[in-house]
Amino acid sequence: MARRKGTSRVTQPGTGSPNRPDPAAPPPGLPSIRQRRPALFWGLIVGMLAMLLPLVAGIIQVLL
């Protein structure tokens, strides 16, 4: 099946729909939790690693 000329959906940069926001612009709304509360974010990361580390260690111990 051949593509007809002039029906491509690809647009040149900067010629998109005027209703669509700029893709490089930050999304509207609240910033991420990493930006709002970095201590809480890193605390959650450390807590998740603390829970996953014994699990992974147990699986390795069972396999060996």
N, C-alpha and C. Protein backbone atom coordinates (compact mmCIF):
# COMPACT_ATOMS: atom_id res chain seq x y z
N MET A 1 0.84 -1.16 0.00
CA MET A 1 0.00 0.00 0.00
C MET A 1 0.89 1.24 0.00
N ALA A 2 0.67 2.13 -0.90
CA ALA A 2 1.51 3.31 -1.04
C ALA A 2 0.89 4.49 -0.31
N ARG A 3 1.75 5.32 0.22
CA ARG A 3 1.28 6.52 0.91
C ARG A 3 1.07 7.64 -0.10
N ARG A 4 -0.03 8.31 0.05
CA ARG A 4 -0.30 9.43 -0.85
C ARG A 4 0.55 10.63 -0.45
N LYS A 5 0.95 11.39 -1.41
CA LYS A 5 1.75 12.58 -1.14
C LYS A 5 0.89 13.63 -0.44
N GLY A 6 1.51 14.33 0.49
CA GLY A 6 0.81 15.41 1.17
C GLY A 6 -0.05 14.97 2.33
N THR A 7 0.00 13.69 2.73
CA THR A 7 -0.83 13.23 3.84
C THR A 7 -0.01 12.85 5.06
N SER A 8 1.27 13.19 5.06
CA SER A 8 2.12 12.84 6.20
C SER A 8 1.71 13.68 7.40
N ARG A 9 1.74 13.05 8.59
CA ARG A 9 1.38 13.76 9.81
C ARG A 9 2.58 14.43 10.47
N VAL A 10 3.75 14.22 9.93
CA VAL A 10 4.95 14.80 10.51
C VAL A 10 4.96 16.30 10.23
N THR A 11 5.21 17.10 11.27
CA THR A 11 5.27 18.56 11.11
C THR A 11 6.67 19.04 11.40
N GLN A 12 7.00 20.16 10.88
CA GLN A 12 8.30 20.77 11.14
C GLN A 12 8.31 21.36 12.55
N PRO A 13 9.48 21.44 13.19
CA PRO A 13 9.55 22.02 14.55
C PRO A 13 9.04 23.46 14.55
N GLY A 14 8.20 23.76 15.53
CA GLY A 14 7.67 25.11 15.66
C GLY A 14 6.43 25.36 14.85
N THR A 15 5.96 24.36 14.09
CA THR A 15 4.77 24.56 13.26
C THR A 15 3.61 23.71 13.75
N GLY A 16 3.65 23.30 15.01
CA GLY A 16 2.58 22.47 15.54
C GLY A 16 1.31 23.25 15.76
N SER A 17 0.35 22.60 16.37
CA SER A 17 -0.94 23.23 16.63
C SER A 17 -0.77 24.39 17.60
N PRO A 18 -1.45 25.50 17.36
CA PRO A 18 -1.33 26.63 18.30
C PRO A 18 -1.97 26.33 19.66
N ASN A 19 -2.84 25.33 19.73
CA ASN A 19 -3.50 24.99 20.99
C ASN A 19 -2.64 24.11 21.88
N ARG A 20 -1.64 23.46 21.28
CA ARG A 20 -0.80 22.54 22.04
C ARG A 20 0.30 23.32 22.74
N PRO A 21 0.57 23.03 24.04
CA PRO A 21 1.64 23.76 24.73
C PRO A 21 3.01 23.35 24.22
N ASP A 22 3.98 24.21 24.47
CA ASP A 22 5.36 23.95 24.07
C ASP A 22 5.88 22.72 24.82
N PRO A 23 6.43 21.71 24.12
CA PRO A 23 6.87 20.50 24.82
C PRO A 23 8.04 20.76 25.77
N ALA A 24 8.82 21.81 25.55
CA ALA A 24 9.95 22.11 26.42
C ALA A 24 9.51 22.84 27.68
N ALA A 25 8.32 23.38 27.70
CA ALA A 25 7.83 24.11 28.87
C ALA A 25 7.48 23.13 29.99
N PRO A 26 7.72 23.51 31.25
CA PRO A 26 7.36 22.61 32.34
C PRO A 26 5.84 22.45 32.43
N PRO A 27 5.38 21.28 32.83
CA PRO A 27 3.94 21.07 32.92
C PRO A 27 3.33 21.92 34.03
N PRO A 28 2.11 22.38 33.85
CA PRO A 28 1.48 23.20 34.89
C PRO A 28 1.12 22.33 36.10
N GLY A 29 0.99 22.96 37.23
CA GLY A 29 0.59 22.24 38.43
C GLY A 29 1.70 22.21 39.45
N LEU A 30 1.57 21.32 40.42
CA LEU A 30 2.54 21.22 41.50
C LEU A 30 3.85 20.62 41.01
N PRO A 31 4.97 21.07 41.57
CA PRO A 31 6.23 20.41 41.25
C PRO A 31 6.28 19.04 41.91
N SER A 32 7.24 18.23 41.51
CA SER A 32 7.33 16.88 42.04
C SER A 32 7.71 16.90 43.52
N ILE A 33 7.48 15.77 44.20
CA ILE A 33 7.81 15.69 45.62
C ILE A 33 9.31 15.83 45.82
N ARG A 34 10.09 15.46 44.81
CA ARG A 34 11.54 15.60 44.90
C ARG A 34 11.95 17.08 45.00
N GLN A 35 11.18 17.94 44.35
CA GLN A 35 11.48 19.37 44.42
C GLN A 35 10.85 20.04 45.63
N ARG A 36 9.65 19.57 46.03
CA ARG A 36 8.95 20.22 47.15
C ARG A 36 9.54 19.82 48.49
N ARG A 37 9.78 18.52 48.69
CA ARG A 37 10.28 18.02 49.96
C ARG A 37 11.39 17.00 49.70
N PRO A 38 12.61 17.46 49.46
CA PRO A 38 13.68 16.52 49.11
C PRO A 38 14.01 15.55 50.25
N ALA A 39 13.89 15.98 51.52
CA ALA A 39 14.19 15.09 52.64
C ALA A 39 13.20 13.92 52.67
N LEU A 40 11.94 14.19 52.43
CA LEU A 40 10.93 13.13 52.39
C LEU A 40 11.19 12.18 51.22
N PHE A 41 11.52 12.74 50.08
CA PHE A 41 11.79 11.92 48.90
C PHE A 41 12.95 10.97 49.16
N TRP A 42 14.08 11.51 49.64
CA TRP A 42 15.24 10.66 49.87
C TRP A 42 15.01 9.70 51.03
N GLY A 43 14.21 10.10 52.02
CA GLY A 43 13.85 9.17 53.09
C GLY A 43 13.06 7.98 52.57
N LEU A 44 12.14 8.25 51.64
CA LEU A 44 11.39 7.15 51.03
C LEU A 44 12.30 6.24 50.20
N ILE A 45 13.24 6.83 49.48
CA ILE A 45 14.17 6.03 48.68
C ILE A 45 15.01 5.13 49.58
N VAL A 46 15.55 5.68 50.65
CA VAL A 46 16.36 4.89 51.59
C VAL A 46 15.50 3.80 52.25
N GLY A 47 14.28 4.14 52.61
CA GLY A 47 13.38 3.15 53.21
C GLY A 47 13.06 2.00 52.26
N MET A 48 12.83 2.32 51.00
CA MET A 48 12.55 1.26 50.02
C MET A 48 13.77 0.36 49.83
N LEU A 49 14.95 0.97 49.77
CA LEU A 49 16.17 0.16 49.64
C LEU A 49 16.38 -0.71 50.87
N ALA A 50 16.06 -0.17 52.04
CA ALA A 50 16.21 -0.94 53.28
C ALA A 50 15.26 -2.14 53.30
N MET A 51 14.11 -2.03 52.67
CA MET A 51 13.18 -3.16 52.61
C MET A 51 13.58 -4.15 51.52
N LEU A 52 14.11 -3.66 50.42
CA LEU A 52 14.44 -4.55 49.30
C LEU A 52 15.75 -5.29 49.49
N LEU A 53 16.70 -4.70 50.19
CA LEU A 53 18.00 -5.33 50.36
C LEU A 53 17.91 -6.69 51.07
N PRO A 54 17.19 -6.82 52.20
CA PRO A 54 17.06 -8.15 52.81
C PRO A 54 16.31 -9.14 51.92
N LEU A 55 15.37 -8.67 51.15
CA LEU A 55 14.65 -9.55 50.25
C LEU A 55 15.59 -10.13 49.19
N VAL A 56 16.38 -9.27 48.58
CA VAL A 56 17.32 -9.72 47.56
C VAL A 56 18.37 -10.64 48.18
N ALA A 57 18.86 -10.30 49.37
CA ALA A 57 19.84 -11.12 50.05
C ALA A 57 19.26 -12.50 50.37
N GLY A 58 18.01 -12.54 50.80
CA GLY A 58 17.37 -13.83 51.08
C GLY A 58 17.20 -14.68 49.84
N ILE A 59 16.83 -14.08 48.74
CA ILE A 59 16.66 -14.82 47.49
C ILE A 59 18.00 -15.38 47.04
N ILE A 60 19.08 -14.58 47.16
CA ILE A 60 20.41 -15.06 46.77
C ILE A 60 20.85 -16.18 47.68
N GLN A 61 20.56 -16.08 48.97
CA GLN A 61 20.94 -17.14 49.91
C GLN A 61 20.20 -18.44 49.61
N VAL A 62 18.93 -18.35 49.24
CA VAL A 62 18.17 -19.56 48.92
C VAL A 62 18.71 -20.20 47.64
N LEU A 63 19.09 -19.39 46.67
CA LEU A 63 19.58 -19.94 45.40
C LEU A 63 20.96 -20.56 45.54
N LEU A 64 21.77 -20.07 46.46
CA LEU A 64 23.11 -20.63 46.64
C LEU A 64 23.03 -21.73 47.64
